[in-house]
Amino acid sequence: MPARPPLTPERIIGAAVALADQGGVAAVSMRKVADSLGVEAMALYHHVPSKDAIVDAIVDAVFSEIEVTRSGADWRTDLEFAARSTRAAVARHSWVLGLIESRDHVGAHRLRRHDAVLGVLLDAGCTPIESILGVSALDSYVYGFVLQEKQQALVESSDAEEAAGRLLDDDSAADLPHLRRIAEAVRDGSAPSHDEAFAHGLRVILDGLPGSGSHR
């Protein structure tokens, strides 16, 4: 039988992330993490002090997957890249949405990600306050979009088209012309994809960033 790899903080956090991916953060406990690693729960305490420390670490692990480029040539391209990378990482680990703002501890990877995005805005000519407002607007949009995307993923596209058809066939909805127009687009399959919707919203956010007009 091959020797078991030594227990390390990295292995513990990796196992905890895998558990959260499967069953949400509620699935993360010292016992379950230990079981997934084939060790006793007490063995974890030699490497991590508590479950809270593990939860803080798995939140930071998500931020370690986010990339931010600093080309210095095109701030919009850099922010678009950062936003898309953030969306992808959060979507892979959507359980993190309920933890990002609720944890008192801010990990090193999250700090570096914020520092990099702030740097893009500062280099583009935004003031410190404008940069803070910009990061807040971008993060609120990305996190909210992923949450909405997650909820919509529970509905099959065929279900949405069927619901649109029912609305169009419902005489009582005749006085809802705008909803009927949208329903027609959904029924005909011409509604925007998630990626198209994200790109559109991101353009709106970037266009409205404080001082962005002077940077284009």
Protein backbone atom coordinates (compact mmCIF):
# COMPACT_ATOMS: atom_id res chain seq x y z
CA MET A 1 0.00 0.00 0.00
CA PRO A 2 1.48 3.38 -0.96
CA ALA A 3 2.33 5.72 1.88
CA ARG A 4 -0.30 8.32 2.66
CA PRO A 5 0.80 11.86 1.74
CA PRO A 6 1.73 13.92 4.80
CA LEU A 7 -1.03 16.07 6.25
CA THR A 8 -0.49 19.75 5.45
CA PRO A 9 -2.61 22.92 5.68
CA GLU A 10 -2.80 22.92 1.89
CA ARG A 11 -4.26 19.40 1.77
CA ILE A 12 -6.73 20.26 4.51
CA ILE A 13 -7.93 23.39 2.73
CA GLY A 14 -8.13 21.55 -0.59
CA ALA A 15 -10.30 18.87 1.00
CA ALA A 16 -12.51 21.50 2.60
CA VAL A 17 -12.99 23.30 -0.72
CA ALA A 18 -13.97 20.00 -2.35
CA LEU A 19 -16.54 19.35 0.38
CA ALA A 20 -17.98 22.84 0.02
CA ASP A 21 -18.20 22.40 -3.75
CA GLN A 22 -20.20 19.23 -3.22
CA GLY A 23 -22.52 20.29 -0.41
CA GLY A 24 -22.03 23.94 0.40
CA VAL A 25 -20.21 25.38 3.38
CA ALA A 26 -22.56 23.47 5.71
CA ALA A 27 -20.79 20.31 4.53
CA VAL A 28 -17.48 21.53 5.97
CA SER A 29 -16.68 20.28 9.46
CA MET A 30 -13.52 19.07 11.14
CA ARG A 31 -14.85 15.51 11.14
CA LYS A 32 -15.89 15.51 7.48
CA VAL A 33 -12.63 17.08 6.36
CA ALA A 34 -10.69 14.51 8.38
CA ASP A 35 -12.78 11.65 7.00
CA SER A 36 -12.14 12.79 3.43
CA LEU A 37 -8.40 12.73 4.15
CA GLY A 38 -8.48 9.40 5.97
CA VAL A 39 -7.27 10.78 9.30
CA GLU A 40 -8.70 11.45 12.75
CA ALA A 41 -10.27 14.86 13.33
CA MET A 42 -7.77 15.62 16.10
CA ALA A 43 -4.93 15.36 13.57
CA LEU A 44 -6.21 18.49 11.83
CA TYR A 45 -5.60 20.63 14.89
CA HIS A 46 -1.85 20.26 14.42
CA HIS A 47 -2.23 22.32 11.22
CA VAL A 48 -5.38 24.46 11.60
CA PRO A 49 -6.72 25.89 14.86
CA SER A 50 -10.46 25.59 14.21
CA LYS A 51 -13.29 25.15 11.74
CA ASP A 52 -13.56 28.95 11.53
CA ALA A 53 -9.95 29.08 10.37
CA ILE A 54 -10.74 26.51 7.68
CA VAL A 55 -13.75 28.50 6.47
CA ASP A 56 -11.64 31.67 6.32
CA ALA A 57 -9.01 29.76 4.37
CA ILE A 58 -11.42 28.28 1.81
CA VAL A 59 -12.84 31.74 1.12
CA ASP A 60 -9.32 32.97 0.47
CA ALA A 61 -8.64 29.90 -1.68
CA VAL A 62 -11.38 31.05 -4.05
CA PHE A 63 -9.70 34.44 -4.38
CA SER A 64 -6.41 32.70 -5.15
CA GLU A 65 -8.01 31.56 -8.44
CA ILE A 66 -8.76 35.12 -9.58
CA GLU A 67 -6.35 36.73 -12.02
CA VAL A 68 -5.85 40.46 -12.49
CA THR A 69 -3.64 41.80 -15.27
CA ARG A 70 -1.91 45.16 -15.07
CA SER A 71 -1.10 45.97 -18.69
CA GLY A 72 -1.05 49.70 -18.00
CA ALA A 73 -2.15 50.30 -21.58
CA ASP A 74 -5.91 49.69 -21.42
CA TRP A 75 -7.59 49.94 -18.03
CA ARG A 76 -10.95 48.78 -19.39
CA THR A 77 -9.46 45.58 -20.78
CA ASP A 78 -7.72 44.93 -17.47
CA LEU A 79 -10.93 45.45 -15.47
CA GLU A 80 -12.96 43.32 -17.88
CA PHE A 81 -10.40 40.52 -17.49
CA ALA A 82 -10.52 40.83 -13.69
CA ALA A 83 -14.32 40.83 -13.66
CA ARG A 84 -14.53 37.75 -15.88
CA SER A 85 -11.92 35.93 -13.81
CA THR A 86 -13.81 36.82 -10.63
CA ARG A 87 -17.08 35.61 -12.11
CA ALA A 88 -15.52 32.31 -13.17
CA ALA A 89 -13.94 31.65 -9.76
CA VAL A 90 -17.05 32.55 -7.80
CA ALA A 91 -19.26 30.52 -10.14
CA ARG A 92 -17.03 27.47 -9.60
CA HIS A 93 -17.47 27.87 -5.85
CA SER A 94 -20.80 29.67 -5.51
CA TRP A 95 -21.05 28.77 -1.81
CA VAL A 96 -18.58 31.60 -1.25
CA LEU A 97 -21.24 34.22 -2.04
CA GLY A 98 -22.71 33.99 1.45
CA LEU A 99 -19.30 34.29 3.08
CA ILE A 100 -17.43 37.05 1.26
CA GLU A 101 -18.87 39.90 3.30
CA SER A 102 -19.76 37.97 6.44
CA ARG A 103 -16.26 36.89 7.52
CA ASP A 104 -14.21 39.23 9.70
CA HIS A 105 -10.95 37.77 8.44
CA VAL A 106 -9.67 38.95 5.05
CA GLY A 107 -7.08 36.60 3.60
CA ALA A 108 -3.89 37.40 1.74
CA HIS A 109 -5.18 36.35 -1.69
CA ARG A 110 -8.28 38.50 -1.34
CA LEU A 111 -6.16 41.47 -0.27
CA ARG A 112 -3.83 41.00 -3.24
CA ARG A 113 -6.79 40.79 -5.63
CA HIS A 114 -8.29 44.02 -4.25
CA ASP A 115 -4.89 45.71 -4.35
CA ALA A 116 -4.43 44.75 -8.00
CA VAL A 117 -7.88 46.02 -9.06
CA LEU A 118 -7.39 49.23 -7.12
CA GLY A 119 -4.05 49.60 -8.87
CA VAL A 120 -5.70 49.40 -12.28
CA LEU A 121 -8.09 52.20 -11.34
CA LEU A 122 -5.43 54.35 -9.72
CA ASP A 123 -3.13 53.95 -12.72
CA ALA A 124 -6.03 54.98 -14.95
CA GLY A 125 -6.28 58.29 -13.12
CA CYS A 126 -9.03 57.63 -10.60
CA THR A 127 -8.68 59.18 -7.17
CA PRO A 128 -8.43 56.81 -4.17
CA ILE A 129 -12.11 57.38 -3.34
CA GLU A 130 -13.15 56.86 -6.97
CA SER A 131 -11.12 53.66 -7.00
CA ILE A 132 -12.86 52.34 -3.89
CA LEU A 133 -16.25 53.17 -5.41
CA GLY A 134 -15.21 51.43 -8.63
CA VAL A 135 -14.18 48.21 -6.90
CA SER A 136 -17.39 48.23 -4.86
CA ALA A 137 -19.54 48.67 -7.99
CA LEU A 138 -17.70 45.94 -9.90
CA ASP A 139 -17.82 43.43 -7.05
CA SER A 140 -21.49 44.08 -6.33
CA TYR A 141 -22.30 43.51 -9.99
CA VAL A 142 -20.22 40.35 -10.40
CA TYR A 143 -21.39 38.71 -7.17
CA GLY A 144 -25.02 39.60 -7.88
CA PHE A 145 -24.79 38.32 -11.45
CA VAL A 146 -23.34 34.97 -10.33
CA LEU A 147 -26.11 34.61 -7.73
CA GLN A 148 -28.77 35.33 -10.34
CA GLU A 149 -27.04 33.01 -12.81
CA LYS A 150 -27.01 30.25 -10.21
CA GLN A 151 -30.73 30.66 -9.55
CA GLN A 152 -31.58 30.71 -13.25
CA ALA A 153 -29.51 27.59 -13.82
CA LEU A 154 -32.17 25.68 -11.89
CA VAL A 155 -34.62 26.44 -14.69
CA GLU A 156 -34.20 24.54 -17.96
CA SER A 157 -34.25 26.68 -21.11
CA SER A 158 -37.20 24.63 -22.33
CA ASP A 159 -39.07 25.51 -19.13
CA ALA A 160 -38.44 29.21 -19.73
CA GLU A 161 -39.65 28.92 -23.32
CA GLU A 162 -42.74 27.05 -22.16
CA ALA A 163 -43.49 29.74 -19.56
CA ALA A 164 -43.07 32.43 -22.22
CA GLY A 165 -45.49 30.58 -24.47
CA ARG A 166 -48.08 30.35 -21.69
CA LEU A 167 -47.83 34.09 -21.10
CA LEU A 168 -48.34 34.81 -24.78
CA ASP A 169 -51.36 32.49 -24.89
CA ASP A 170 -52.90 34.03 -21.77
CA ASP A 171 -55.57 36.57 -22.73
CA SER A 172 -55.42 38.09 -19.26
CA ALA A 173 -51.84 39.19 -20.01
CA ALA A 174 -52.93 41.29 -22.97
CA ASP A 175 -52.38 44.48 -20.95
CA LEU A 176 -48.73 43.56 -20.31
CA PRO A 177 -47.21 44.57 -23.66
CA HIS A 178 -43.63 44.85 -22.48
CA LEU A 179 -43.60 41.46 -20.78
CA ARG A 180 -45.20 39.95 -23.89
CA ARG A 181 -42.46 41.44 -26.06
CA ILE A 182 -39.79 39.89 -23.82
CA ALA A 183 -41.67 36.60 -23.80
CA GLU A 184 -41.63 36.56 -27.59
CA ALA A 185 -37.83 36.91 -27.54
CA VAL A 186 -37.50 34.09 -25.01
CA ARG A 187 -39.91 31.80 -26.89
CA ASP A 188 -38.10 32.42 -30.17
CA GLY A 189 -34.71 31.72 -28.62
CA SER A 190 -33.39 35.22 -29.27
CA ALA A 191 -32.90 36.18 -25.62
CA PRO A 192 -29.27 37.00 -24.71
CA SER A 193 -27.02 34.31 -23.30
CA HIS A 194 -25.58 34.63 -19.79
CA ASP A 195 -22.23 35.65 -21.26
CA GLU A 196 -23.84 38.32 -23.44
CA ALA A 197 -25.84 39.62 -20.50
CA PHE A 198 -22.72 39.73 -18.31
CA ALA A 199 -20.73 41.59 -20.96
CA HIS A 200 -23.51 44.14 -21.44
CA GLY A 201 -23.84 44.82 -17.71
CA LEU A 202 -20.08 45.08 -17.35
CA ARG A 203 -19.94 47.70 -20.11
CA VAL A 204 -22.61 49.71 -18.31
CA ILE A 205 -20.64 49.53 -15.05
CA LEU A 206 -17.35 50.53 -16.68
CA ASP A 207 -18.99 53.38 -18.57
CA GLY A 208 -20.36 54.71 -15.30
CA LEU A 209 -17.22 54.44 -13.18
CA PRO A 210 -16.29 57.70 -11.44
CA GLY A 211 -14.11 59.72 -13.77
CA SER A 212 -14.22 57.07 -16.51
CA GLY A 213 -15.06 59.65 -19.15
CA SER A 214 -11.59 61.15 -18.81
CA HIS A 215 -9.89 57.78 -19.29
CA ARG A 216 -11.35 56.64 -22.60
